Amino acid sequence: MGISISVVIPARDDAAFLRRALEALAAQERPADEVIVVDNGSSDDTADVARSFGARVVDEPVQGILRATAAGFDAARGDVLARIDADSVPGPDWLRRVETVFLRPDAPTAYTGPGLFYDIAAAGAWAGQTFYLGGYVTWMTLFLGHAPLFGSNMALQTAAWRRIRGSIHRTDRRVHDDLDIAYHLLPDMTVEYDPTLAMPISGRPFHSASGFFRRIGWAFRTIAVNIPGQWPWQRWWRRRAARQSRRTPQPGGASGGDAFENSASRSAESS
């Protein structure tokens, strides 16, 4: 059984970065079935650059990263939603690796990996990868009960998105989309973090102190709006119960290999 993959890129005033990202997508060993660029109120030629590469442009004039990502996910037609940023530069095997994971009998709900910073000094790139991104994965795994998603390098089953899209903080401009979506993954949903699925990304979070601390503030804001009723011990307990439930034989004997197809069918029936 094959799957279709939609790549979604939220962007605002990112024409120069976007061109490189779209060039990298055009060179994929396994091409995307569609590429969607969400123009989040750009004043430059972001939309024109997207169209020049054959991408579908979704206009979301109300600014906010989660709102833009959600608009792209809602518009996508693929079985899998692969999300990158305008400054991401996926290697030629990226979509092939995403497809391989989601074709497995034990396919996860979401698949993600780390970033590798470019356009900053080597020492800064190492510190960013080790402490900034590494700390994010370590601490948020403890908070969430599973690995967090990294928005520059992630893929999610469309069926899962349709189950959670009504509960995310879509209109809050001060939350990180990847972390908010991770918080809304249900106890029966799984995340696979692959440290070898590394994505080159710009080091621009470190280009200014104000930009860096804004991102840190968004992280604490995202945790604050999600944590009531989702304290770490509550999430771990719910996920443990879900794992035990999955081990219990179900009527009809559905196997792990049917998980992707069955969840997609249920989503199609309910959407």
C-alpha atoms as a PDB file:
ATOM      1  CA  MET A   1       0.000   0.000   0.000  1.00  0.00           C
ATOM      2  CA  GLY A   2       1.469   3.353  -1.014  1.00  0.00           C
ATOM      3  CA  ILE A   3       1.009   6.637   0.793  1.00  0.00           C
ATOM      4  CA  SER A   4       0.847  10.230  -0.388  1.00  0.00           C
ATOM      5  CA  ILE A   5       2.885  12.951   1.295  1.00  0.00           C
ATOM      6  CA  SER A   6       2.068  16.656   1.477  1.00  0.00           C
ATOM      7  CA  VAL A   7       4.890  19.003   2.453  1.00  0.00           C
ATOM      8  CA  VAL A   8       3.707  22.109   4.304  1.00  0.00           C
ATOM      9  CA  ILE A   9       5.881  25.214   4.731  1.00  0.00           C
ATOM     10  CA  PRO A  10       4.546  28.180   6.723  1.00  0.00           C
ATOM     11  CA  ALA A  11       6.359  31.347   5.672  1.00  0.00           C
ATOM     12  CA  ARG A  12       6.312  35.090   6.189  1.00  0.00           C
ATOM     13  CA  ASP A  13       8.748  37.380   4.368  1.00  0.00           C
ATOM     14  CA  ASP A  14      11.036  34.423   3.738  1.00  0.00           C
ATOM     15  CA  ALA A  15      11.414  34.467  -0.056  1.00  0.00           C
ATOM     16  CA  ALA A  16      15.200  34.026  -0.074  1.00  0.00           C
ATOM     17  CA  PHE A  17      15.204  31.108   2.361  1.00  0.00           C
ATOM     18  CA  LEU A  18      12.139  29.590   0.722  1.00  0.00           C
ATOM     19  CA  ARG A  19      13.792  29.372  -2.676  1.00  0.00           C
ATOM     20  CA  ARG A  20      16.541  27.155  -1.272  1.00  0.00           C
ATOM     21  CA  ALA A  21      14.041  24.958   0.580  1.00  0.00           C
ATOM     22  CA  LEU A  22      11.983  24.461  -2.583  1.00  0.00           C
ATOM     23  CA  GLU A  23      15.108  23.671  -4.601  1.00  0.00           C
ATOM     24  CA  ALA A  24      15.932  20.970  -2.045  1.00  0.00           C
ATOM     25  CA  LEU A  25      12.396  19.563  -2.270  1.00  0.00           C
ATOM     26  CA  ALA A  26      12.635  19.493  -6.068  1.00  0.00           C
ATOM     27  CA  ALA A  27      15.749  17.307  -5.737  1.00  0.00           C
ATOM     28  CA  GLN A  28      14.135  14.660  -3.515  1.00  0.00           C
ATOM     29  CA  GLU A  29      14.665  11.009  -4.424  1.00  0.00           C
ATOM     30  CA  ARG A  30      11.029  10.475  -3.515  1.00  0.00           C
ATOM     31  CA  PRO A  31       9.129  13.574  -4.733  1.00  0.00           C
ATOM     32  CA  ALA A  32       6.420  15.171  -2.638  1.00  0.00           C
ATOM     33  CA  ASP A  33       2.888  14.537  -3.850  1.00  0.00           C
ATOM     34  CA  GLU A  34       2.154  18.190  -3.177  1.00  0.00           C
ATOM     35  CA  VAL A  35       3.982  21.156  -1.687  1.00  0.00           C
ATOM     36  CA  ILE A  36       1.962  23.783   0.157  1.00  0.00           C
ATOM     37  CA  VAL A  37       3.410  27.144   1.144  1.00  0.00           C
ATOM     38  CA  VAL A  38       1.297  29.067   3.626  1.00  0.00           C
ATOM     39  CA  ASP A  39       1.816  32.777   3.052  1.00  0.00           C
ATOM     40  CA  ASN A  40       1.315  34.257   6.511  1.00  0.00           C
ATOM     41  CA  GLY A  41       0.955  37.924   5.594  1.00  0.00           C
ATOM     42  CA  SER A  42       4.196  38.405   3.664  1.00  0.00           C
ATOM     43  CA  SER A  43       5.200  41.776   2.246  1.00  0.00           C
ATOM     44  CA  ASP A  44       7.892  40.304  -0.043  1.00  0.00           C
ATOM     45  CA  ASP A  45       7.586  37.882  -2.973  1.00  0.00           C
ATOM     46  CA  THR A  46       7.255  34.715  -0.868  1.00  0.00           C
ATOM     47  CA  ALA A  47       4.076  33.684  -2.697  1.00  0.00           C
ATOM     48  CA  ASP A  48       5.601  34.317  -6.147  1.00  0.00           C
ATOM     49  CA  VAL A  49       8.652  32.223  -5.295  1.00  0.00           C
ATOM     50  CA  ALA A  50       6.393  29.395  -4.130  1.00  0.00           C
ATOM     51  CA  ARG A  51       4.337  29.462  -7.332  1.00  0.00           C
ATOM     52  CA  SER A  52       7.476  29.524  -9.471  1.00  0.00           C
ATOM     53  CA  PHE A  53       8.338  26.079  -8.083  1.00  0.00           C
ATOM     54  CA  GLY A  54       4.823  24.746  -8.624  1.00  0.00           C
ATOM     55  CA  ALA A  55       3.835  24.899  -4.957  1.00  0.00           C
ATOM     56  CA  ARG A  56       0.241  25.520  -3.954  1.00  0.00           C
ATOM     57  CA  VAL A  57      -0.065  28.773  -2.013  1.00  0.00           C
ATOM     58  CA  VAL A  58      -2.504  28.967   0.884  1.00  0.00           C
ATOM     59  CA  ASP A  59      -3.131  32.503   2.087  1.00  0.00           C
ATOM     60  CA  GLU A  60      -3.386  32.984   5.855  1.00  0.00           C
ATOM     61  CA  PRO A  61      -3.287  36.751   6.433  1.00  0.00           C
ATOM     62  CA  VAL A  62      -3.720  36.541  10.219  1.00  0.00           C
ATOM     63  CA  GLN A  63      -0.189  36.143  11.529  1.00  0.00           C
ATOM     64  CA  GLY A  64       0.763  33.333  13.869  1.00  0.00           C
ATOM     65  CA  ILE A  65       2.917  30.265  13.308  1.00  0.00           C
ATOM     66  CA  LEU A  66       0.387  27.776  14.664  1.00  0.00           C
ATOM     67  CA  ARG A  67      -2.407  29.379  12.661  1.00  0.00           C
ATOM     68  CA  ALA A  68      -0.293  29.182   9.488  1.00  0.00           C
ATOM     69  CA  THR A  69       0.722  25.566  10.064  1.00  0.00           C
ATOM     70  CA  ALA A  70      -2.867  24.576  10.797  1.00  0.00           C
ATOM     71  CA  ALA A  71      -4.074  26.280   7.604  1.00  0.00           C
ATOM     72  CA  GLY A  72      -1.579  24.251   5.590  1.00  0.00           C
ATOM     73  CA  PHE A  73      -2.429  20.984   7.329  1.00  0.00           C
ATOM     74  CA  ASP A  74      -6.145  21.595   6.828  1.00  0.00           C
ATOM     75  CA  ALA A  75      -5.624  22.238   3.106  1.00  0.00           C
ATOM     76  CA  ALA A  76      -3.352  19.246   2.502  1.00  0.00           C
ATOM     77  CA  ARG A  77      -4.588  16.183   0.629  1.00  0.00           C
ATOM     78  CA  GLY A  78      -1.864  13.692   1.516  1.00  0.00           C
ATOM     79  CA  ASP A  79      -1.939  10.762   3.933  1.00  0.00           C
ATOM     80  CA  VAL A  80       1.119  12.215   5.686  1.00  0.00           C
ATOM     81  CA  LEU A  81       1.787  15.856   6.547  1.00  0.00           C
ATOM     82  CA  ALA A  82       5.508  16.619   6.334  1.00  0.00           C
ATOM     83  CA  ARG A  83       6.353  20.018   7.811  1.00  0.00           C
ATOM     84  CA  ILE A  84       9.491  22.067   7.375  1.00  0.00           C
ATOM     85  CA  ASP A  85      10.366  25.733   7.744  1.00  0.00           C
ATOM     86  CA  ALA A  86      11.338  28.095   4.944  1.00  0.00           C
ATOM     87  CA  ASP A  87      14.961  27.914   6.135  1.00  0.00           C
ATOM     88  CA  SER A  88      15.031  24.097   6.209  1.00  0.00           C
ATOM     89  CA  VAL A  89      17.179  22.385   3.574  1.00  0.00           C
ATOM     90  CA  PRO A  90      16.120  18.729   3.447  1.00  0.00           C
ATOM     91  CA  GLY A  91      18.652  16.262   2.115  1.00  0.00           C
ATOM     92  CA  PRO A  92      17.683  14.336  -1.035  1.00  0.00           C
ATOM     93  CA  ASP A  93      16.670  11.235   0.938  1.00  0.00           C
ATOM     94  CA  TRP A  94      14.432  13.050   3.459  1.00  0.00           C
ATOM     95  CA  LEU A  95      11.021  12.235   1.983  1.00  0.00           C
ATOM     96  CA  ARG A  96      12.119   8.713   1.102  1.00  0.00           C
ATOM     97  CA  ARG A  97      12.996   8.146   4.748  1.00  0.00           C
ATOM     98  CA  VAL A  98       9.686   9.644   5.865  1.00  0.00           C
ATOM     99  CA  GLU A  99       7.814   7.345   3.501  1.00  0.00           C
ATOM    100  CA  THR A 100       9.754   4.280   4.678  1.00  0.00           C
ATOM    101  CA  VAL A 101       8.804   4.946   8.301  1.00  0.00           C
ATOM    102  CA  PHE A 102       5.105   5.418   7.586  1.00  0.00           C
ATOM    103  CA  LEU A 103       4.943   2.273   5.449  1.00  0.00           C
ATOM    104  CA  ARG A 104       6.162   0.123   8.328  1.00  0.00           C
ATOM    105  CA  PRO A 105       3.662  -2.197  10.052  1.00  0.00           C
ATOM    106  CA  ASP A 106       4.420  -0.368  13.302  1.00  0.00           C
ATOM    107  CA  ALA A 107       4.265   3.126  11.794  1.00  0.00           C
ATOM    108  CA  PRO A 108       4.259   5.886  14.422  1.00  0.00           C
ATOM    109  CA  THR A 109       1.751   8.706  14.511  1.00  0.00           C
ATOM    110  CA  ALA A 110       4.540  11.243  14.047  1.00  0.00           C
ATOM    111  CA  TYR A 111       8.173  11.146  12.988  1.00  0.00           C
ATOM    112  CA  THR A 112      10.742  13.834  13.762  1.00  0.00           C
ATOM    113  CA  GLY A 113      14.446  14.529  14.099  1.00  0.00           C
ATOM    114  CA  PRO A 114      16.971  17.208  15.091  1.00  0.00           C
ATOM    115  CA  GLY A 115      18.313  20.278  13.333  1.00  0.00           C
ATOM    116  CA  LEU A 116      21.821  21.184  12.204  1.00  0.00           C
ATOM    117  CA  PHE A 117      22.456  24.914  12.266  1.00  0.00           C
ATOM    118  CA  TYR A 118      24.095  26.651   9.334  1.00  0.00           C
ATOM    119  CA  ASP A 119      25.077  30.338   8.806  1.00  0.00           C
ATOM    120  CA  ILE A 120      26.539  30.665  12.312  1.00  0.00           C
ATOM    121  CA  ALA A 121      29.990  29.889  13.734  1.00  0.00           C
ATOM    122  CA  ALA A 122      30.801  26.244  14.401  1.00  0.00           C
ATOM    123  CA  ALA A 123      30.928  26.779  18.162  1.00  0.00           C
ATOM    124  CA  GLY A 124      27.535  28.451  18.117  1.00  0.00           C
ATOM    125  CA  ALA A 125      26.078  25.680  15.976  1.00  0.00           C
ATOM    126  CA  TRP A 126      27.367  23.042  18.405  1.00  0.00           C
ATOM    127  CA  ALA A 127      25.992  24.910  21.415  1.00  0.00           C
ATOM    128  CA  GLY A 128      22.628  25.387  19.707  1.00  0.00           C
ATOM    129  CA  GLN A 129      22.347  21.741  18.760  1.00  0.00           C
ATOM    130  CA  THR A 130      23.549  20.485  22.135  1.00  0.00           C
ATOM    131  CA  PHE A 131      21.854  22.804  24.599  1.00  0.00           C
ATOM    132  CA  TYR A 132      19.047  24.572  22.732  1.00  0.00           C
ATOM    133  CA  LEU A 133      17.671  21.693  20.649  1.00  0.00           C
ATOM    134  CA  GLY A 134      19.115  18.944  22.843  1.00  0.00           C
ATOM    135  CA  GLY A 135      17.640  20.539  25.949  1.00  0.00           C
ATOM    136  CA  TYR A 136      14.295  20.877  24.196  1.00  0.00           C
ATOM    137  CA  VAL A 137      14.182  17.161  23.402  1.00  0.00           C
ATOM    138  CA  THR A 138      15.368  16.064  26.850  1.00  0.00           C
ATOM    139  CA  TRP A 139      13.124  18.270  28.956  1.00  0.00           C
ATOM    140  CA  MET A 140      10.023  18.078  26.813  1.00  0.00           C
ATOM    141  CA  THR A 141      10.251  14.283  26.657  1.00  0.00           C
ATOM    142  CA  LEU A 142       9.982  14.365  30.453  1.00  0.00           C
ATOM    143  CA  PHE A 143       7.058  16.783  30.310  1.00  0.00           C
ATOM    144  CA  LEU A 144       5.170  15.079  27.491  1.00  0.00           C
ATOM    145  CA  GLY A 145       5.832  11.397  28.106  1.00  0.00           C
ATOM    146  CA  HIS A 146       7.126  11.089  24.539  1.00  0.00           C
ATOM    147  CA  ALA A 147       9.565  12.918  22.290  1.00  0.00           C
ATOM    148  CA  PRO A 148       8.495  16.408  21.235  1.00  0.00           C
ATOM    149  CA  LEU A 149       7.999  17.381  17.604  1.00  0.00           C
ATOM    150  CA  PHE A 150      10.477  19.682  15.895  1.00  0.00           C
ATOM    151  CA  GLY A 151       8.631  21.857  13.398  1.00  0.00           C
ATOM    152  CA  SER A 152      11.557  22.271  10.994  1.00  0.00           C
ATOM    153  CA  ASN A 153      11.742  18.511  10.554  1.00  0.00           C
ATOM    154  CA  MET A 154       8.575  16.525  11.257  1.00  0.00           C
ATOM    155  CA  ALA A 155       5.849  14.424   9.681  1.00  0.00           C
ATOM    156  CA  LEU A 156       2.425  13.514  11.044  1.00  0.00           C
ATOM    157  CA  GLN A 157      -0.355  11.219   9.925  1.00  0.00           C
ATOM    158  CA  THR A 158      -3.205  13.269   8.476  1.00  0.00           C
ATOM    159  CA  ALA A 159      -5.703  11.050  10.288  1.00  0.00           C
ATOM    160  CA  ALA A 160      -4.123  12.043  13.605  1.00  0.00           C
ATOM    161  CA  TRP A 161      -4.215  15.739  12.700  1.00  0.00           C
ATOM    162  CA  ARG A 162      -7.931  15.521  12.004  1.00  0.00           C
ATOM    163  CA  ARG A 163      -8.496  14.056  15.446  1.00  0.00           C
ATOM    164  CA  ILE A 164      -6.715  16.866  17.279  1.00  0.00           C
ATOM    165  CA  ARG A 165      -7.062  19.962  15.103  1.00  0.00           C
ATOM    166  CA  GLY A 166     -10.127  21.254  16.941  1.00  0.00           C
ATOM    167  CA  SER A 167      -8.317  21.447  20.284  1.00  0.00           C
ATOM    168  CA  ILE A 168      -5.034  23.202  19.432  1.00  0.00           C
ATOM    169  CA  HIS A 169      -4.404  26.834  20.391  1.00  0.00           C
ATOM    170  CA  ARG A 170      -4.821  27.959  16.796  1.00  0.00           C
ATOM    171  CA  THR A 171      -5.412  31.647  17.510  1.00  0.00           C
ATOM    172  CA  ASP A 172      -2.611  32.162  20.044  1.00  0.00           C
ATOM    173  CA  ARG A 173       0.249  33.961  18.294  1.00  0.00           C
ATOM    174  CA  ARG A 174       2.674  33.333  21.158  1.00  0.00           C
ATOM    175  CA  VAL A 175       2.867  29.539  21.104  1.00  0.00           C
ATOM    176  CA  HIS A 176       5.207  27.241  19.202  1.00  0.00           C
ATOM    177  CA  ASP A 177       3.188  25.194  16.727  1.00  0.00           C
ATOM    178  CA  ASP A 178       5.272  22.040  17.045  1.00  0.00           C
ATOM    179  CA  LEU A 179       5.134  21.963  20.849  1.00  0.00           C
ATOM    180  CA  ASP A 180       1.436  22.808  20.970  1.00  0.00           C
ATOM    181  CA  ILE A 181       0.637  20.008  18.516  1.00  0.00           C
ATOM    182  CA  ALA A 182       2.816  17.627  20.555  1.00  0.00           C
ATOM    183  CA  TYR A 183       0.843  18.503  23.685  1.00  0.00           C
ATOM    184  CA  HIS A 184      -2.392  17.664  21.885  1.00  0.00           C
ATOM    185  CA  LEU A 185      -1.331  14.229  20.671  1.00  0.00           C
ATOM    186  CA  LEU A 186      -3.655  11.727  22.327  1.00  0.00           C
ATOM    187  CA  PRO A 187      -2.420   8.950  24.627  1.00  0.00           C
ATOM    188  CA  ASP A 188      -2.798   6.323  21.886  1.00  0.00           C
ATOM    189  CA  MET A 189      -0.598   8.340  19.492  1.00  0.00           C
ATOM    190  CA  THR A 190       3.130   7.710  19.200  1.00  0.00           C
ATOM    191  CA  VAL A 191       6.153   9.809  18.252  1.00  0.00           C
ATOM    192  CA  GLU A 192       9.369   8.412  16.827  1.00  0.00           C
ATOM    193  CA  TYR A 193      12.415  10.621  17.279  1.00  0.00           C
ATOM    194  CA  ASP A 194      15.238   9.710  14.902  1.00  0.00           C
ATOM    195  CA  PRO A 195      18.553  11.394  15.788  1.00  0.00           C
ATOM    196  CA  THR A 196      19.909  10.509  12.341  1.00  0.00           C
ATOM    197  CA  LEU A 197      17.123  12.406  10.545  1.00  0.00           C
ATOM    198  CA  ALA A 198      19.043  15.666  10.765  1.00  0.00           C
ATOM    199  CA  MET A 199      17.744  18.784   9.014  1.00  0.00           C
ATOM    200  CA  PRO A 200      19.979  21.742   8.101  1.00  0.00           C
ATOM    201  CA  ILE A 201      18.306  24.921   9.402  1.00  0.00           C
ATOM    202  CA  SER A 202      19.331  28.539   9.721  1.00  0.00           C
ATOM    203  CA  GLY A 203      20.984  29.693  12.913  1.00  0.00           C
ATOM    204  CA  ARG A 204      18.879  32.860  12.841  1.00  0.00           C
ATOM    205  CA  PRO A 205      17.359  32.170  16.287  1.00  0.00           C
ATOM    206  CA  PHE A 206      20.806  33.188  17.578  1.00  0.00           C
ATOM    207  CA  HIS A 207      21.335  36.190  15.317  1.00  0.00           C
ATOM    208  CA  SER A 208      19.837  38.535  17.919  1.00  0.00           C
ATOM    209  CA  ALA A 209      19.197  38.365  21.637  1.00  0.00           C
ATOM    210  CA  SER A 210      15.647  39.627  21.183  1.00  0.00           C
ATOM    211  CA  GLY A 211      14.820  36.874  18.700  1.00  0.00           C
ATOM    212  CA  PHE A 212      16.305  34.206  20.939  1.00  0.00           C
ATOM    213  CA  PHE A 213      14.467  35.303  24.066  1.00  0.00           C
ATOM    214  CA  ARG A 214      11.227  35.698  22.124  1.00  0.00           C
ATOM    215  CA  ARG A 215      11.433  32.032  21.177  1.00  0.00           C
ATOM    216  CA  ILE A 216      12.197  31.048  24.762  1.00  0.00           C
ATOM    217  CA  GLY A 217       9.193  33.084  25.901  1.00  0.00           C
ATOM    218  CA  TRP A 218       6.978  31.292  23.400  1.00  0.00           C
ATOM    219  CA  ALA A 219       8.186  27.960  24.775  1.00  0.00           C
ATOM    220  CA  PHE A 220       7.161  28.854  28.327  1.00  0.00           C
ATOM    221  CA  ARG A 221       3.890  30.277  27.022  1.00  0.00           C
ATOM    222  CA  THR A 222       3.151  27.030  25.171  1.00  0.00           C
ATOM    223  CA  ILE A 223       3.791  24.983  28.287  1.00  0.00           C
ATOM    224  CA  ALA A 224       1.689  27.331  30.432  1.00  0.00           C
ATOM    225  CA  VAL A 225      -1.425  27.177  28.241  1.00  0.00           C
ATOM    226  CA  ASN A 226      -1.231  23.395  27.922  1.00  0.00           C
ATOM    227  CA  ILE A 227      -0.129  22.117  31.298  1.00  0.00           C
ATOM    228  CA  PRO A 228      -3.407  22.424  33.277  1.00  0.00           C
ATOM    229  CA  GLY A 229      -4.731  18.870  33.326  1.00  0.00           C
ATOM    230  CA  GLN A 230      -1.611  17.670  31.498  1.00  0.00           C
ATOM    231  CA  TRP A 231       1.009  17.615  34.219  1.00  0.00           C
ATOM    232  CA  PRO A 232       3.857  15.244  33.387  1.00  0.00           C
ATOM    233  CA  TRP A 233       2.701  12.503  35.765  1.00  0.00           C
ATOM    234  CA  GLN A 234      -0.804  12.655  34.271  1.00  0.00           C
ATOM    235  CA  ARG A 235       0.498  12.341  30.733  1.00  0.00           C
ATOM    236  CA  TRP A 236       2.834   9.470  31.622  1.00  0.00           C
ATOM    237  CA  TRP A 237       0.009   7.598  33.377  1.00  0.00           C
ATOM    238  CA  ARG A 238      -2.387   8.042  30.452  1.00  0.00           C
ATOM    239  CA  ARG A 239       0.189   6.893  27.931  1.00  0.00           C
ATOM    240  CA  ARG A 240       1.044   3.871  30.078  1.00  0.00           C
ATOM    241  CA  ALA A 241      -2.653   2.943  30.147  1.00  0.00           C
ATOM    242  CA  ALA A 242      -2.845   3.364  26.368  1.00  0.00           C
ATOM    243  CA  ARG A 243       0.172   1.074  25.865  1.00  0.00           C
ATOM    244  CA  GLN A 244      -1.403  -1.590  28.041  1.00  0.00           C
ATOM    245  CA  SER A 245      -4.625  -1.293  26.065  1.00  0.00           C
ATOM    246  CA  ARG A 246      -2.724  -1.768  22.786  1.00  0.00           C
ATOM    247  CA  ARG A 247      -1.243  -5.005  24.121  1.00  0.00           C
ATOM    248  CA  THR A 248      -4.720  -6.399  24.741  1.00  0.00           C
ATOM    249  CA  PRO A 249      -5.945  -8.462  21.739  1.00  0.00           C
ATOM    250  CA  GLN A 250      -8.766  -6.682  19.938  1.00  0.00           C
ATOM    251  CA  PRO A 251     -11.836  -8.312  18.368  1.00  0.00           C
ATOM    252  CA  GLY A 252     -11.153  -9.051  14.717  1.00  0.00           C
ATOM    253  CA  GLY A 253      -7.427  -9.492  15.327  1.00  0.00           C
ATOM    254  CA  ALA A 254      -6.315  -6.270  13.612  1.00  0.00           C
ATOM    255  CA  SER A 255      -2.548  -6.224  13.338  1.00  0.00           C
ATOM    256  CA  GLY A 256      -0.092  -3.369  13.632  1.00  0.00           C
ATOM    257  CA  GLY A 257       0.162  -3.316   9.840  1.00  0.00           C
ATOM    258  CA  ASP A 258      -3.465  -2.196   9.638  1.00  0.00           C
ATOM    259  CA  ALA A 259      -2.972   0.765  11.976  1.00  0.00           C
ATOM    260  CA  PHE A 260      -2.257   3.421   9.348  1.00  0.00           C
ATOM    261  CA  GLU A 261      -5.056   2.320   7.037  1.00  0.00           C
ATOM    262  CA  ASN A 262      -7.638   1.923   9.796  1.00  0.00           C
ATOM    263  CA  SER A 263      -6.912   5.285  11.389  1.00  0.00           C
ATOM    264  CA  ALA A 264      -7.096   6.981   8.005  1.00  0.00           C
ATOM    265  CA  SER A 265     -10.417   5.296   7.264  1.00  0.00           C
ATOM    266  CA  ARG A 266     -11.903   6.378  10.597  1.00  0.00           C
ATOM    267  CA  SER A 267     -10.724   9.921   9.954  1.00  0.00           C
ATOM    268  CA  ALA A 268     -12.229   9.972   6.474  1.00  0.00           C
ATOM    269  CA  GLU A 269     -15.556   8.803   7.846  1.00  0.00           C
ATOM    270  CA  SER A 270     -15.596  11.487  10.540  1.00  0.00           C
ATOM    271  CA  SER A 271     -14.321  14.437   8.484  1.00  0.00           C
END
